[in-house]
Protein backbone atom coordinates (compact mmCIF):
# COMPACT_ATOMS: atom_id res chain seq x y z
CA UNK A 1 81.82 -16.37 -73.58
CA UNK A 2 78.24 -15.29 -73.22
CA UNK A 3 77.15 -18.91 -72.91
CA UNK A 4 79.54 -19.52 -70.02
CA UNK A 5 78.34 -16.49 -68.06
CA UNK A 6 74.77 -17.61 -68.57
CA UNK A 7 75.60 -21.11 -67.34
CA UNK A 8 77.25 -19.73 -64.25
CA UNK A 9 74.19 -17.66 -63.43
CA UNK A 10 71.98 -20.73 -63.55
CA UNK A 11 74.04 -22.69 -61.06
CA UNK A 12 72.30 -23.04 -57.71
CA UNK A 13 73.80 -21.00 -54.93
CA UNK A 14 74.08 -22.55 -51.47
CA UNK A 15 74.90 -20.39 -48.49
CA UNK A 16 75.97 -22.04 -45.33
CA UNK A 17 75.94 -20.02 -42.14
CA UNK A 18 74.58 -19.53 -38.68
CA UNK A 19 70.89 -20.13 -37.85
CA UNK A 20 69.13 -17.36 -35.93
CA UNK A 21 65.88 -17.39 -33.98
CA UNK A 22 63.07 -14.99 -34.98
CA UNK A 23 63.33 -11.98 -32.70
CA UNK A 24 59.90 -10.47 -33.47
CA UNK A 25 57.22 -10.87 -30.77
CA UNK A 26 54.27 -13.16 -31.39
CA UNK A 27 51.53 -11.12 -33.13
CA UNK A 28 48.73 -12.58 -31.01
CA UNK A 29 50.61 -11.80 -27.79
CA UNK A 30 51.29 -8.27 -29.06
CA UNK A 31 47.57 -7.71 -29.75
CA UNK A 32 46.63 -9.00 -26.29
CA UNK A 33 49.16 -6.69 -24.64
CA UNK A 34 47.74 -3.64 -26.51
CA UNK A 35 44.12 -4.51 -25.65
CA UNK A 36 43.94 -2.44 -22.43
CA UNK A 37 45.51 0.63 -24.02
CA UNK A 38 43.10 0.38 -26.95
CA UNK A 39 40.09 0.03 -24.61
CA UNK A 40 41.15 3.13 -22.66
CA UNK A 41 41.41 5.12 -25.91
CA UNK A 42 38.05 3.82 -27.15
CA UNK A 43 36.31 4.71 -23.87
CA UNK A 44 37.83 8.21 -23.93
CA UNK A 45 36.64 8.69 -27.53
CA UNK A 46 33.11 7.50 -26.64
CA UNK A 47 32.99 9.90 -23.66
CA UNK A 48 34.09 12.83 -25.84
CA UNK A 49 31.41 12.00 -28.41
CA UNK A 50 28.76 11.68 -25.67
CA UNK A 51 29.63 15.16 -24.37
CA UNK A 52 29.41 16.60 -27.88
CA UNK A 53 25.99 14.99 -28.42
CA UNK A 54 24.68 15.97 -24.98
CA UNK A 55 25.57 19.61 -25.68
CA UNK A 56 23.89 19.78 -29.11
CA UNK A 57 21.34 22.61 -29.10
CA UNK A 58 19.98 22.64 -32.65
CA UNK A 59 19.60 25.91 -34.50
CA UNK A 60 19.12 28.88 -32.19
CA UNK A 61 16.23 31.33 -32.47
CA UNK A 62 15.43 34.38 -30.37
CA UNK A 63 12.18 34.65 -28.38
CA UNK A 64 9.29 36.41 -30.12
CA UNK A 65 8.64 39.93 -28.81
CA UNK A 66 5.12 40.18 -30.25
CA UNK A 67 2.45 37.93 -31.71
CA UNK A 68 2.55 37.64 -35.49
CA UNK A 69 1.40 35.28 -38.24
CA UNK A 70 2.80 34.67 -41.69
CA UNK A 71 1.89 32.20 -44.41
CA UNK A 72 4.08 30.19 -46.76
CA UNK A 73 2.86 29.04 -50.16
CA UNK A 74 4.48 25.60 -50.65
CA UNK A 75 3.57 25.42 -54.36
CA UNK A 76 6.35 23.74 -56.32
CA UNK A 77 6.94 23.95 -60.07
CA UNK A 78 8.76 21.10 -61.82
CA UNK A 79 12.16 21.96 -63.27
CA UNK A 80 12.19 18.86 -65.52
CA UNK A 81 9.63 16.60 -67.17
CA UNK A 82 8.51 13.57 -65.17
CA UNK A 83 8.07 10.49 -67.32
CA UNK A 84 6.17 7.22 -67.04
CA UNK A 85 6.16 4.09 -69.19
CA UNK A 86 2.92 3.29 -70.96
CA UNK A 87 2.68 0.44 -73.52
CA UNK A 88 6.50 0.07 -73.46
CA UNK A 89 6.95 3.72 -74.45
CA UNK A 90 8.05 6.73 -72.45
CA UNK A 91 5.33 9.30 -71.96
CA UNK A 92 5.43 12.68 -70.17
CA UNK A 93 3.39 12.30 -66.98
CA UNK A 94 3.96 15.87 -65.72
CA UNK A 95 5.60 18.46 -68.00
CA UNK A 96 8.37 20.82 -66.97
CA UNK A 97 6.76 23.91 -65.39
CA UNK A 98 3.79 22.00 -63.97
CA UNK A 99 3.01 23.46 -60.53
CA UNK A 100 1.32 21.72 -57.63
CA UNK A 101 0.64 22.42 -53.98
CA UNK A 102 1.45 19.39 -51.77
CA UNK A 103 -0.81 20.75 -49.00
CA UNK A 104 -3.83 19.96 -51.18
CA UNK A 105 -2.85 16.30 -51.69
CA UNK A 106 -1.44 15.18 -48.36
CA UNK A 107 -3.31 14.42 -45.14
CA UNK A 108 -3.15 17.28 -42.66
CA UNK A 109 -0.05 16.83 -40.44
CA UNK A 110 -0.01 17.68 -36.73
CA UNK A 111 1.26 21.15 -35.82
CA UNK A 112 4.98 21.56 -35.18
CA UNK A 113 5.82 23.67 -32.13
CA UNK A 114 9.29 25.20 -32.00
CA UNK A 115 10.34 26.42 -28.56
CA UNK A 116 13.35 26.83 -26.27
CA UNK A 117 13.06 24.19 -23.55
CA UNK A 118 15.63 26.03 -21.40
CA UNK A 119 13.38 29.10 -21.08
CA UNK A 120 10.92 28.74 -18.20
CA UNK A 121 8.44 31.25 -19.69
CA UNK A 122 8.38 29.33 -22.96
CA UNK A 123 7.72 26.03 -21.16
CA UNK A 124 4.76 27.63 -19.33
CA UNK A 125 3.44 29.06 -22.61
CA UNK A 126 3.92 25.70 -24.31
CA UNK A 127 1.87 23.95 -21.62
CA UNK A 128 -1.02 26.37 -22.22
CA UNK A 129 -0.84 25.79 -25.99
CA UNK A 130 -0.75 21.99 -25.59
CA UNK A 131 -4.00 22.00 -23.55
CA UNK A 132 -5.88 22.54 -26.82
CA UNK A 133 -3.94 19.96 -28.87
CA UNK A 134 -4.11 16.17 -28.95
CA UNK A 135 -1.43 15.56 -31.54
CA UNK A 136 1.68 17.68 -32.09
CA UNK A 137 5.43 17.56 -32.79
CA UNK A 138 7.87 19.32 -30.45
CA UNK A 139 11.08 20.90 -31.74
CA UNK A 140 13.61 22.54 -29.44
CA UNK A 141 15.83 25.49 -30.33
CA UNK A 142 18.86 26.47 -28.26
CA UNK A 143 18.57 24.02 -25.36
CA UNK A 144 21.17 21.24 -24.89
CA UNK A 145 20.03 17.62 -25.23
CA UNK A 146 21.11 16.78 -21.67
CA UNK A 147 18.70 19.44 -20.36
CA UNK A 148 15.90 18.12 -22.60
CA UNK A 149 16.38 14.65 -21.11
CA UNK A 150 15.96 16.08 -17.61
CA UNK A 151 12.69 17.83 -18.50
CA UNK A 152 10.95 14.56 -19.50
CA UNK A 153 8.31 15.57 -22.03
CA UNK A 154 5.42 13.21 -22.81
CA UNK A 155 6.45 13.08 -26.49
CA UNK A 156 9.86 13.05 -28.17
CA UNK A 157 11.49 16.45 -28.62
CA UNK A 158 13.55 16.97 -31.79
CA UNK A 159 16.29 19.52 -32.35
CA UNK A 160 15.71 22.35 -34.82
CA UNK A 161 17.64 21.64 -38.02
CA UNK A 162 18.86 24.08 -40.67
CA UNK A 163 16.48 22.49 -43.18
CA UNK A 164 13.44 23.08 -40.95
CA UNK A 165 14.61 26.62 -40.17
CA UNK A 166 14.98 27.43 -43.86
CA UNK A 167 11.84 25.63 -45.09
CA UNK A 168 9.53 27.45 -42.66
CA UNK A 169 11.53 30.73 -42.55
CA UNK A 170 11.66 30.57 -38.76
CA UNK A 171 12.97 33.53 -36.80
CA UNK A 172 11.56 33.22 -33.28
CA UNK A 173 10.36 30.88 -30.58
CA UNK A 174 7.59 29.98 -29.85
CA UNK A 175 6.55 29.20 -33.42
CA UNK A 176 3.53 27.04 -34.18
CA UNK A 177 3.65 25.65 -37.71
CA UNK A 178 0.37 24.32 -39.05
CA UNK A 179 -1.33 23.63 -42.38
CA UNK A 180 -4.38 25.54 -43.61
CA UNK A 181 -5.84 23.20 -46.25
CA UNK A 182 -8.59 25.65 -47.25
CA UNK A 183 -6.08 28.32 -48.22
CA UNK A 184 -3.47 25.79 -49.31
CA UNK A 185 -0.74 27.39 -47.18
CA UNK A 186 1.55 26.64 -44.27
CA UNK A 187 0.76 28.99 -41.39
CA UNK A 188 3.43 30.06 -38.88
CA UNK A 189 2.34 31.75 -35.66
CA UNK A 190 4.99 33.47 -33.57
CA UNK A 191 3.87 33.59 -29.96
CA UNK A 192 5.77 35.59 -27.34
CA UNK A 193 6.18 33.75 -24.03
CA UNK A 194 3.58 34.64 -21.44
CA UNK A 195 5.16 36.39 -18.46
CA UNK A 196 5.62 33.99 -15.56
CA UNK A 197 3.63 35.08 -12.53
């Protein structure tokens, strides 16, 4: 009995019936028909992203009310050993707890000037500061990128990031960040904007 059922299952099955055409649209034609809609959506997305970027202001600081100076000691102490390979063996190059001051080893960088490009008094103050400098880095706080593009500075202007804000403990604009190699410190000058007259 089991053998017969098995034999019946192995018999080929032929189904005769009507033949139907494929009713699905051609994939290539479907893609072509969606092209314009996709382009409209892509352009709208690009425009939204442009507006977001144009309105980026960076981190926002308040204007300095009085002149002040503070110093930052950038000395760093290693939290782990740093190893090197010597004669195919690992050797401790710098032990955990070793402290060093990068200011003493690196070439002196140009000063970084943090300002609000949307504040007329700060722009006037910045121009007076730049008269005495040949090399510098400009960083804007609180002014949208589209406005920065209109102002057309001679050098690129970067937006103030959280990392820069934290690293230099910035609170106010105008801030001039420079390196004092003799003292081995980073010096931050807070300069109130000169009154426009």
